[in-house]
């Protein structure tokens, strides 16, 4: 079974569950917009995100959930969207509505553009085929740090995560591959550096049973290019530079893997995160795909016993990055560990073919030391004191952004929920997206970003009003005043 078949099965199940005669597993009536807001505990600003509703593009909201601006031509059913200082927005744009491809240079692919406040394109990479991530020069992660704001630099370099159709018979007998492709462009759209995943297959530390399963079931599916089927074998979903960091500053030889120019990537389907040495293009640091007690973790010639096991199995993760300089936790790795389903390996009762054989029905956000893998912070249903672990859960998409006050902005993307949480796990801001895909009936948001108010000088700073939610046990919907008549 491939991912497409699995998701079609989920869609069928969802459609069946929507029938009036059946009940929902979760509440079917709940508020949207800002549902919790404690201004004195938040890092207040604007939040930008793309929506999965055709024609909507991306929106900018204030802390009370008011839409203060929209760019309907940017991020048309794509992801992610990023806001640059000066009121600029960056994301996918299309020369024609049908151009939805995610392959570099393909005539059916979308562009990657920077637009001004009014939506005018001021910089453009035609047919970039961007999927899941990109970065501008000067900001390693694309989110705000007081030391490294996200700025529009007309002559700056841009790192893009895209696809290429390639082949590697060692990966799979089926061809082609929907291979992940990283490239960096200058102001004239010349490629200065690039990296093709299939060329580094042998550098990945992957178990033999994983390779055998992937060879047979390499996530074979239709691509965004009409009529082309290929293997999305690793499914990279984030890529960012490490940026200046305490490790490299302390000892550039011992911590050469953490050179500021090196690039950290997350690969959902492999359950792995790794760092690419930009100079040599070699993989020099990797966690996953397994986290067993006997898996060895060594760094700098020293072994840290059971380090991977203590970190815990990561499944289908997103947004793995090094916290930028100038923010609390700088130099640690932050990742949204989805759970859900991912990986390849030996078959089991929930994965009879061994495809997506790692499964878990809850999510967590983890922050850890990249040398020892020791967990510094974890946010999950369990750390919030909830008995039901599934109450913090997004089985795909999603992200985590460290804020200057030490809070973390979390995107639980599958359910369109954003939460700002304190280090002590208090939810001080919550927002539920009201934009639903009319066909799939979902309000998916891939990734949201918080920016300071002064990033958008075209807008007046809004007033902030606390939002105190009602007590759930007493929150009811009034009955209709029209008397019920049997048979009516």
Protein backbone atom coordinates (compact mmCIF):
# COMPACT_ATOMS: atom_id res chain seq x y z
CA UNK A 1 0.00 0.00 0.00
CA UNK A 2 1.38 3.46 -0.88
CA UNK A 3 0.61 6.80 0.76
CA UNK A 4 -1.96 7.72 -1.88
CA UNK A 5 -3.91 4.49 -1.29
CA UNK A 6 -3.68 4.98 2.46
CA UNK A 7 -4.95 8.56 2.27
CA UNK A 8 -7.76 7.56 -0.09
CA UNK A 9 -8.78 5.02 2.52
CA UNK A 10 -8.72 7.69 5.20
CA UNK A 11 -10.80 9.97 2.98
CA UNK A 12 -13.36 7.24 2.46
CA UNK A 13 -13.51 6.63 6.20
CA UNK A 14 -13.89 10.36 6.83
CA UNK A 15 -16.69 10.59 4.29
CA UNK A 16 -18.47 7.67 5.94
CA UNK A 17 -18.07 9.24 9.37
CA UNK A 18 -19.68 12.42 8.05
CA UNK A 19 -22.98 10.63 7.42
CA UNK A 20 -25.76 12.02 9.63
CA UNK A 21 -26.51 8.63 11.15
CA UNK A 22 -23.00 8.31 12.62
CA UNK A 23 -21.41 10.17 15.52
CA UNK A 24 -18.12 12.06 15.52
CA UNK A 25 -15.18 10.98 17.65
CA UNK A 26 -14.47 14.66 18.45
CA UNK A 27 -16.82 17.58 19.11
CA UNK A 28 -18.53 18.71 15.92
CA UNK A 29 -19.40 22.16 17.30
CA UNK A 30 -16.62 24.35 18.70
CA UNK A 31 -15.53 28.01 18.45
CA UNK A 32 -13.14 29.38 15.82
CA UNK A 33 -10.85 32.39 15.74
CA UNK A 34 -9.04 33.41 18.93
CA UNK A 35 -10.36 31.27 21.78
CA UNK A 36 -7.72 32.04 24.46
CA UNK A 37 -5.63 35.19 24.83
CA UNK A 38 -3.64 36.37 27.85
CA UNK A 39 -1.87 39.49 26.52
CA UNK A 40 0.46 39.92 29.49
CA UNK A 41 1.87 36.40 29.00
CA UNK A 42 2.18 36.44 25.20
CA UNK A 43 4.77 37.66 22.76
CA UNK A 44 2.31 39.86 20.92
CA UNK A 45 2.44 40.45 17.18
CA UNK A 46 0.90 39.45 13.88
CA UNK A 47 0.54 35.84 12.71
CA UNK A 48 0.78 34.92 9.03
CA UNK A 49 -0.36 31.67 7.44
CA UNK A 50 -1.64 30.19 4.21
CA UNK A 51 -5.01 28.50 3.95
CA UNK A 52 -6.25 25.50 2.00
CA UNK A 53 -9.20 27.29 0.41
CA UNK A 54 -8.97 28.03 -3.31
CA UNK A 55 -8.70 31.74 -4.04
CA UNK A 56 -7.87 32.69 -0.47
CA UNK A 57 -4.06 32.70 -0.54
CA UNK A 58 -2.63 33.79 2.80
CA UNK A 59 -3.81 35.95 5.66
CA UNK A 60 -2.36 38.10 8.41
CA UNK A 61 -4.17 38.19 11.74
CA UNK A 62 -3.75 40.10 14.98
CA UNK A 63 -3.82 38.51 18.41
CA UNK A 64 -7.62 38.79 18.56
CA UNK A 65 -7.95 36.87 15.32
CA UNK A 66 -8.95 39.83 13.17
CA UNK A 67 -7.79 39.60 9.56
CA UNK A 68 -5.70 42.73 9.07
CA UNK A 69 -4.44 41.93 5.57
CA UNK A 70 -4.67 39.29 2.82
CA UNK A 71 -2.56 38.32 -0.16
CA UNK A 72 -4.85 36.22 -2.32
CA UNK A 73 -2.24 35.67 -5.04
CA UNK A 74 0.37 34.16 -2.71
CA UNK A 75 0.38 30.61 -1.36
CA UNK A 76 -2.59 29.46 -3.42
CA UNK A 77 -3.10 26.05 -1.78
CA UNK A 78 0.67 25.83 -1.29
CA UNK A 79 2.99 26.09 1.69
CA UNK A 80 4.58 27.77 3.53
CA UNK A 81 4.08 31.57 3.62
CA UNK A 82 6.60 33.85 5.31
CA UNK A 83 6.42 37.53 6.21
CA UNK A 84 9.49 39.71 5.65
CA UNK A 85 10.17 42.98 7.42
CA UNK A 86 8.61 45.90 5.56
CA UNK A 87 5.26 44.25 4.90
CA UNK A 88 6.57 41.84 2.26
CA UNK A 89 5.23 38.33 1.94
CA UNK A 90 6.93 35.34 0.33
CA UNK A 91 5.49 32.14 -1.04
CA UNK A 92 4.32 30.32 -4.13
CA UNK A 93 2.59 32.16 -6.97
CA UNK A 94 1.24 30.79 -10.23
CA UNK A 95 1.55 32.10 -13.76
CA UNK A 96 -1.65 30.18 -14.52
CA UNK A 97 -4.13 28.52 -12.11
CA UNK A 98 -3.32 25.05 -13.42
CA UNK A 99 0.41 25.42 -12.72
CA UNK A 100 0.59 23.51 -9.45
CA UNK A 101 3.81 21.58 -9.96
CA UNK A 102 6.56 21.17 -7.40
CA UNK A 103 9.48 20.29 -9.68
CA UNK A 104 12.21 22.77 -10.53
CA UNK A 105 12.07 24.01 -14.11
CA UNK A 106 9.00 21.95 -14.98
CA UNK A 107 6.62 23.98 -17.22
CA UNK A 108 3.70 23.11 -14.92
CA UNK A 109 5.39 24.27 -11.72
CA UNK A 110 4.61 27.27 -9.54
CA UNK A 111 6.93 30.23 -9.07
CA UNK A 112 8.45 31.39 -5.78
CA UNK A 113 7.86 35.10 -5.26
CA UNK A 114 8.33 37.99 -2.88
CA UNK A 115 5.41 40.40 -2.99
CA UNK A 116 4.98 43.83 -1.47
CA UNK A 117 2.12 44.83 0.81
CA UNK A 118 -0.16 45.37 -2.19
CA UNK A 119 0.62 41.98 -3.72
CA UNK A 120 2.95 43.22 -6.46
CA UNK A 121 5.77 40.79 -7.24
CA UNK A 122 9.14 42.41 -6.51
CA UNK A 123 11.29 39.32 -6.90
CA UNK A 124 10.48 36.07 -8.65
CA UNK A 125 12.02 32.64 -9.28
CA UNK A 126 10.06 31.22 -12.24
CA UNK A 127 9.07 27.55 -12.11
CA UNK A 128 10.83 27.14 -8.78
CA UNK A 129 8.58 24.21 -7.86
CA UNK A 130 9.04 25.07 -4.19
CA UNK A 131 7.57 22.58 -1.75
CA UNK A 132 7.53 22.81 2.04
CA UNK A 133 10.34 25.32 2.65
CA UNK A 134 12.62 28.13 1.52
CA UNK A 135 14.89 30.64 3.27
CA UNK A 136 16.14 34.15 2.59
CA UNK A 137 19.70 35.26 3.24
CA UNK A 138 20.26 36.58 6.76
CA UNK A 139 17.57 34.50 8.46
CA UNK A 140 18.46 30.81 8.79
CA UNK A 141 14.97 29.59 9.72
CA UNK A 142 12.74 32.24 8.18
CA UNK A 143 11.28 33.30 11.51
CA UNK A 144 12.01 36.33 13.64
CA UNK A 145 14.95 36.63 15.99
CA UNK A 146 16.00 39.98 17.47
CA UNK A 147 19.54 39.18 16.28
CA UNK A 148 18.47 38.09 12.79
CA UNK A 149 15.23 39.64 11.53
CA UNK A 150 13.65 38.24 8.37
CA UNK A 151 14.35 40.96 5.83
CA UNK A 152 13.74 41.56 2.15
CA UNK A 153 17.13 41.93 0.52
CA UNK A 154 16.77 42.54 -3.24
CA UNK A 155 20.23 41.12 -3.88
CA UNK A 156 20.15 38.41 -1.22
CA UNK A 157 20.50 34.70 -1.86
CA UNK A 158 17.49 32.39 -1.56
CA UNK A 159 17.55 28.71 -0.56
CA UNK A 160 14.75 26.64 -2.11
CA UNK A 161 13.49 23.14 -1.42
CA UNK A 162 12.08 21.68 -4.63
CA UNK A 163 11.89 18.40 -6.55
CA UNK A 164 13.65 16.82 -9.50
CA UNK A 165 12.70 13.66 -11.37
CA UNK A 166 15.72 11.38 -10.99
CA UNK A 167 16.62 7.68 -10.88
CA UNK A 168 18.64 5.49 -8.52
CA UNK A 169 18.15 1.71 -8.85
CA UNK A 170 19.63 1.23 -5.37
CA UNK A 171 16.63 3.04 -3.91
CA UNK A 172 13.89 1.35 -5.90
CA UNK A 173 13.31 -0.73 -8.99
CA UNK A 174 10.45 1.58 -9.86
CA UNK A 175 11.36 4.84 -11.53
CA UNK A 176 11.53 7.78 -11.58
CA UNK A 177 12.07 9.27 -8.13
CA UNK A 178 10.24 12.40 -7.02
CA UNK A 179 13.57 13.40 -5.54
CA UNK A 180 14.15 16.24 -3.11
CA UNK A 181 16.30 19.00 -4.55
CA UNK A 182 17.90 21.89 -2.68
CA UNK A 183 19.33 24.86 -4.51
CA UNK A 184 20.52 28.35 -3.67
CA UNK A 185 20.05 31.22 -6.11
CA UNK A 186 21.57 34.66 -6.47
CA UNK A 187 19.67 37.83 -7.36
CA UNK A 188 19.83 36.95 -11.07
CA UNK A 189 18.43 33.44 -10.45
CA UNK A 190 21.73 31.73 -11.09
CA UNK A 191 22.18 28.53 -9.10
CA UNK A 192 25.15 28.98 -6.77
CA UNK A 193 24.83 25.65 -4.94
CA UNK A 194 22.63 22.61 -5.16
CA UNK A 195 22.08 19.20 -3.57
CA UNK A 196 20.24 16.17 -4.97
CA UNK A 197 19.05 13.65 -2.42
CA UNK A 198 19.45 10.54 -4.59
CA UNK A 199 23.20 11.16 -4.89
CA UNK A 200 23.62 10.81 -1.12
CA UNK A 201 21.61 7.67 -0.49
CA UNK A 202 24.69 5.71 0.59
CA UNK A 203 25.58 8.35 3.20
CA UNK A 204 22.29 7.86 5.05
CA UNK A 205 22.50 5.40 7.93
CA UNK A 206 19.49 3.23 7.13
CA UNK A 207 18.75 -0.34 8.35
CA UNK A 208 18.70 -3.08 5.74
CA UNK A 209 15.05 -3.96 6.43
CA UNK A 210 14.13 -0.33 5.74
CA UNK A 211 15.97 -0.38 2.41
CA UNK A 212 14.31 -3.64 1.39
CA UNK A 213 10.83 -2.35 2.11
CA UNK A 214 11.47 0.99 0.43
CA UNK A 215 12.79 -0.80 -2.65
CA UNK A 216 9.38 -2.47 -3.04
CA UNK A 217 7.13 0.28 -1.68
CA UNK A 218 8.91 3.63 -2.18
CA UNK A 219 5.84 5.85 -1.62
CA UNK A 220 4.88 5.53 -5.26
CA UNK A 221 2.26 8.13 -6.20
CA UNK A 222 1.07 10.75 -8.65
CA UNK A 223 3.09 13.96 -8.53
CA UNK A 224 1.93 17.53 -9.03
CA UNK A 225 3.09 17.27 -12.66
CA UNK A 226 0.10 15.98 -14.67
CA UNK A 227 0.45 12.36 -15.71
CA UNK A 228 3.77 11.75 -13.93
CA UNK A 229 4.03 9.09 -11.26
CA UNK A 230 7.15 8.87 -9.10
CA UNK A 231 8.51 7.75 -5.73
CA UNK A 232 8.48 10.35 -2.95
CA UNK A 233 10.91 8.13 -1.08
CA UNK A 234 12.11 10.51 1.67
CA UNK A 235 9.57 13.37 1.66
CA UNK A 236 11.72 16.23 2.90
CA UNK A 237 9.55 18.84 4.59
CA UNK A 238 11.97 21.42 5.99
CA UNK A 239 15.41 22.77 5.19
CA UNK A 240 17.20 25.63 6.90
CA UNK A 241 20.70 26.85 7.60
CA UNK A 242 21.97 26.38 11.12
CA UNK A 243 23.09 29.99 11.30
CA UNK A 244 25.55 31.42 13.87
CA UNK A 245 25.52 29.19 16.94
CA UNK A 246 27.27 28.64 20.25
CA UNK A 247 28.67 25.27 19.26
CA UNK A 248 30.68 26.47 16.30
CA UNK A 249 31.70 29.62 18.16
CA UNK A 250 33.11 27.48 20.98
CA UNK A 251 35.13 25.06 18.85
CA UNK A 252 34.91 25.15 15.03
CA UNK A 253 36.92 21.93 14.74
CA UNK A 254 35.10 19.80 17.30
CA UNK A 255 31.75 21.15 16.18
CA UNK A 256 32.45 21.38 12.45
CA UNK A 257 29.11 19.68 11.80
CA UNK A 258 27.46 22.84 13.12
CA UNK A 259 29.08 25.27 10.71
CA UNK A 260 26.63 28.18 10.32
CA UNK A 261 26.27 27.54 6.58
CA UNK A 262 25.38 23.87 7.02
CA UNK A 263 21.79 22.89 6.32
CA UNK A 264 19.51 20.84 8.57
CA UNK A 265 16.71 18.87 6.93
CA UNK A 266 13.69 16.86 8.05
CA UNK A 267 12.52 13.81 6.09
CA UNK A 268 9.08 12.71 7.16
CA UNK A 269 8.85 9.36 5.39
CA UNK A 270 12.30 8.25 6.59
CA UNK A 271 11.75 9.38 10.21
CA UNK A 272 15.16 11.07 9.96
CA UNK A 273 16.70 14.50 10.39
CA UNK A 274 20.18 15.24 9.13
CA UNK A 275 22.71 18.02 8.55
CA UNK A 276 24.38 18.62 5.20
CA UNK A 277 27.90 20.03 5.17
CA UNK A 278 27.44 22.79 2.64
CA UNK A 279 31.06 22.81 1.53
CA UNK A 280 31.35 19.06 0.86
CA UNK A 281 27.62 18.27 0.41
CA UNK A 282 28.12 15.26 2.71
CA UNK A 283 25.70 14.25 5.46
CA UNK A 284 27.59 14.88 8.72
CA UNK A 285 24.91 14.46 11.43
CA UNK A 286 21.79 12.28 11.54
CA UNK A 287 19.13 11.12 13.96
CA UNK A 288 16.68 8.34 13.12
CA UNK A 289 15.15 6.35 11.64
CA UNK A 290 15.22 4.09 14.73
CA UNK A 291 15.58 4.94 18.42
CA UNK A 292 16.08 1.53 20.02
CA UNK A 293 17.97 0.98 23.32
CA UNK A 294 20.86 -0.62 21.45
CA UNK A 295 21.13 2.12 18.78
CA UNK A 296 24.45 3.89 19.27
CA UNK A 297 24.88 7.66 19.26
CA UNK A 298 28.38 9.03 18.96
CA UNK A 299 29.53 12.60 18.56
CA UNK A 300 33.04 13.98 18.63
CA UNK A 301 34.49 10.54 19.36
CA UNK A 302 32.33 10.08 22.45
CA UNK A 303 29.45 7.62 22.82
CA UNK A 304 26.31 8.73 24.65
CA UNK A 305 24.64 5.53 25.81
CA UNK A 306 20.95 5.07 25.02
CA UNK A 307 20.80 8.68 23.85
CA UNK A 308 18.52 7.91 20.90
CA UNK A 309 16.28 5.73 23.04
CA UNK A 310 15.93 8.44 25.69
CA UNK A 311 15.08 11.00 23.04
CA UNK A 312 12.33 8.66 21.89
CA UNK A 313 11.10 7.41 18.53
CA UNK A 314 10.39 10.26 16.15
CA UNK A 315 7.63 9.57 13.61
CA UNK A 316 6.68 11.65 10.56
CA UNK A 317 8.27 14.80 12.01
CA UNK A 318 8.15 18.34 10.62
CA UNK A 319 10.08 21.59 10.94
CA UNK A 320 13.32 20.27 12.44
CA UNK A 321 15.64 23.25 12.88
CA UNK A 322 18.26 24.82 15.14
CA UNK A 323 16.82 27.59 17.31
CA UNK A 324 18.35 30.80 15.96
CA UNK A 325 20.82 32.99 17.80
CA UNK A 326 19.13 35.64 19.92
CA UNK A 327 16.29 33.42 21.11
CA UNK A 328 15.92 31.35 24.32
CA UNK A 329 17.31 27.87 23.67
CA UNK A 330 19.52 29.06 20.82
CA UNK A 331 21.67 26.23 19.49
CA UNK A 332 19.24 23.49 20.50
CA UNK A 333 17.20 21.54 17.95
CA UNK A 334 13.44 22.10 17.88
CA UNK A 335 11.14 19.69 16.05
CA UNK A 336 7.44 18.94 15.77
CA UNK A 337 7.30 15.16 16.21
CA UNK A 338 3.95 14.34 14.63
CA UNK A 339 3.40 10.68 15.25
CA UNK A 340 0.77 9.41 12.84
CA UNK A 341 2.38 7.09 10.31
CA UNK A 342 5.74 7.06 8.51
CA UNK A 343 8.84 4.98 7.86
CA UNK A 344 9.75 1.72 6.16
CA UNK A 345 10.78 -1.59 7.68
CA UNK A 346 9.51 -4.92 8.89
CA UNK A 347 5.81 -5.52 8.54
CA UNK A 348 3.53 -5.48 11.57
CA UNK A 349 -0.24 -5.83 12.14
CA UNK A 350 -0.85 -2.13 11.38
CA UNK A 351 1.46 -2.16 8.36
CA UNK A 352 1.20 -5.47 6.52
CA UNK A 353 3.58 -4.32 3.77
CA UNK A 354 6.08 -2.58 6.04
CA UNK A 355 5.30 0.82 4.49
CA UNK A 356 4.72 3.51 7.13
CA UNK A 357 5.36 0.83 9.74
CA UNK A 358 6.00 3.31 12.57
CA UNK A 359 2.70 4.51 14.03
CA UNK A 360 1.72 6.59 17.04
CA UNK A 361 -1.52 8.40 17.86
CA UNK A 362 -0.14 11.54 19.53
CA UNK A 363 2.25 14.38 18.82
CA UNK A 364 4.91 16.20 20.79
CA UNK A 365 7.23 19.16 20.33
CA UNK A 366 10.76 18.44 21.52
CA UNK A 367 13.81 20.60 22.07
CA UNK A 368 17.11 18.79 22.51
CA UNK A 369 20.88 19.21 22.66
CA UNK A 370 22.34 18.26 19.23
CA UNK A 371 25.52 16.81 20.80
CA UNK A 372 24.14 14.59 23.59
CA UNK A 373 20.53 14.36 22.30
CA UNK A 374 19.37 15.12 25.83
CA UNK A 375 15.84 16.52 25.89
CA UNK A 376 15.74 20.09 27.15
CA UNK A 377 11.99 20.59 26.80
CA UNK A 378 8.99 18.62 25.60
CA UNK A 379 5.42 19.73 25.03
CA UNK A 380 2.70 17.14 24.65
CA UNK A 381 -0.61 16.09 26.14
CA UNK A 382 1.31 14.26 28.84
CA UNK A 383 3.37 17.30 29.86
CA UNK A 384 0.14 19.32 29.98
CA UNK A 385 -1.22 16.81 32.46
CA UNK A 386 -3.81 15.36 30.11
CA UNK A 387 -4.74 11.71 30.41
CA UNK A 388 -5.72 11.38 26.74
CA UNK A 389 -2.53 11.70 24.71
CA UNK A 390 -4.43 12.20 21.45
CA UNK A 391 -5.60 15.61 22.68
CA UNK A 392 -2.35 17.04 21.35
CA UNK A 393 -2.13 15.52 17.91
CA UNK A 394 -1.55 16.48 14.31
CA UNK A 395 -0.62 13.50 12.19
CA UNK A 396 0.86 15.59 9.38
CA UNK A 397 2.09 19.14 8.53
CA UNK A 398 2.67 21.39 11.66
CA UNK A 399 5.55 23.38 13.16
CA UNK A 400 7.06 25.06 16.21
CA UNK A 401 8.61 28.54 16.48
CA UNK A 402 10.59 29.74 19.47
CA UNK A 403 9.54 33.27 20.47
CA UNK A 404 11.77 35.96 22.04
CA UNK A 405 10.03 35.71 25.44
CA UNK A 406 10.72 31.96 25.68
CA UNK A 407 7.25 30.87 24.64
CA UNK A 408 6.73 28.60 21.66
CA UNK A 409 4.21 29.13 18.87
CA UNK A 410 2.92 25.71 17.82
CA UNK A 411 0.98 24.97 14.66
CA UNK A 412 -1.13 21.84 15.06
CA UNK A 413 -1.71 21.98 11.36
CA UNK A 414 -4.02 19.07 10.64
CA UNK A 415 -6.73 20.68 12.77
CA UNK A 416 -5.93 24.31 11.91
CA UNK A 417 -4.97 25.14 15.50
CA UNK A 418 -2.28 27.55 16.68
CA UNK A 419 -1.19 27.67 20.30
CA UNK A 420 1.34 29.87 22.07
CA UNK A 421 2.55 27.97 25.10
CA UNK A 422 4.86 28.93 27.95
CA UNK A 423 7.86 26.83 29.01
CA UNK A 424 5.55 25.56 31.80
CA UNK A 425 3.01 24.37 29.16
CA UNK A 426 0.35 26.98 29.82
CA UNK A 427 -1.66 27.86 26.71
CA UNK A 428 -1.69 31.67 26.64
CA UNK A 429 -3.04 32.10 23.10
CA UNK A 430 -5.07 29.81 20.92
CA UNK A 431 -6.59 30.29 17.49
CA UNK A 432 -8.63 27.95 15.29
CA UNK A 433 -8.63 28.63 11.56
CA UNK A 434 -12.14 29.15 10.14
CA UNK A 435 -11.03 28.47 6.55
CA UNK A 436 -12.18 25.03 5.45
CA UNK A 437 -11.52 23.28 2.20
CA UNK A 438 -15.07 22.90 0.84
CA UNK A 439 -14.41 19.46 -0.63
CA UNK A 440 -12.26 17.83 2.04
CA UNK A 441 -13.93 19.61 4.96
CA UNK A 442 -10.62 20.34 6.64
CA UNK A 443 -8.97 23.56 7.84
CA UNK A 444 -5.36 22.44 7.40
CA UNK A 445 -2.59 24.98 8.00
CA UNK A 446 0.92 23.87 7.13
CA UNK A 447 2.87 26.37 9.23
CA UNK A 448 2.13 29.70 10.94
CA UNK A 449 4.67 32.38 11.86
CA UNK A 450 4.54 35.15 14.47
CA UNK A 451 6.22 38.47 13.60
CA UNK A 452 6.61 41.78 15.45
CA UNK A 453 4.08 44.50 14.69
CA UNK A 454 6.80 46.68 13.18
CA UNK A 455 7.33 44.15 10.38
CA UNK A 456 4.24 45.69 8.79
CA UNK A 457 4.64 49.49 8.93
CA UNK A 458 1.66 49.89 6.60
CA UNK A 459 -0.64 48.93 9.49
CA UNK A 460 -1.35 50.70 12.75
CA UNK A 461 -0.57 48.58 15.78
CA UNK A 462 -3.89 47.09 16.91
CA UNK A 463 -5.40 47.24 20.36
CA UNK A 464 -5.20 43.98 22.26
CA UNK A 465 -8.14 42.59 24.22
CA UNK A 466 -7.94 39.56 26.46
CA UNK A 467 -10.03 36.54 25.51
CA UNK A 468 -11.18 34.39 28.42
CA UNK A 469 -12.83 31.17 27.34
CA UNK A 470 -15.98 29.91 29.08
CA UNK A 471 -15.90 26.92 31.39
CA UNK A 472 -16.38 23.94 29.10
CA UNK A 473 -18.68 22.10 31.46
CA UNK A 474 -21.12 25.00 31.57
CA UNK A 475 -20.72 26.14 27.96
CA UNK A 476 -23.96 25.18 26.20
CA UNK A 477 -25.87 26.22 23.09
CA UNK A 478 -29.36 27.58 23.85
CA UNK A 479 -32.24 25.51 22.61
CA UNK A 480 -34.45 26.79 19.82
CA UNK A 481 -37.46 28.78 21.05
CA UNK A 482 -39.62 27.10 18.44
CA UNK A 483 -41.53 24.26 20.14
CA UNK A 484 -40.80 20.82 18.78
CA UNK A 485 -43.70 19.03 17.11
CA UNK A 486 -43.54 15.33 16.44
CA UNK A 487 -43.71 14.55 12.75
CA UNK A 488 -42.97 18.12 11.73
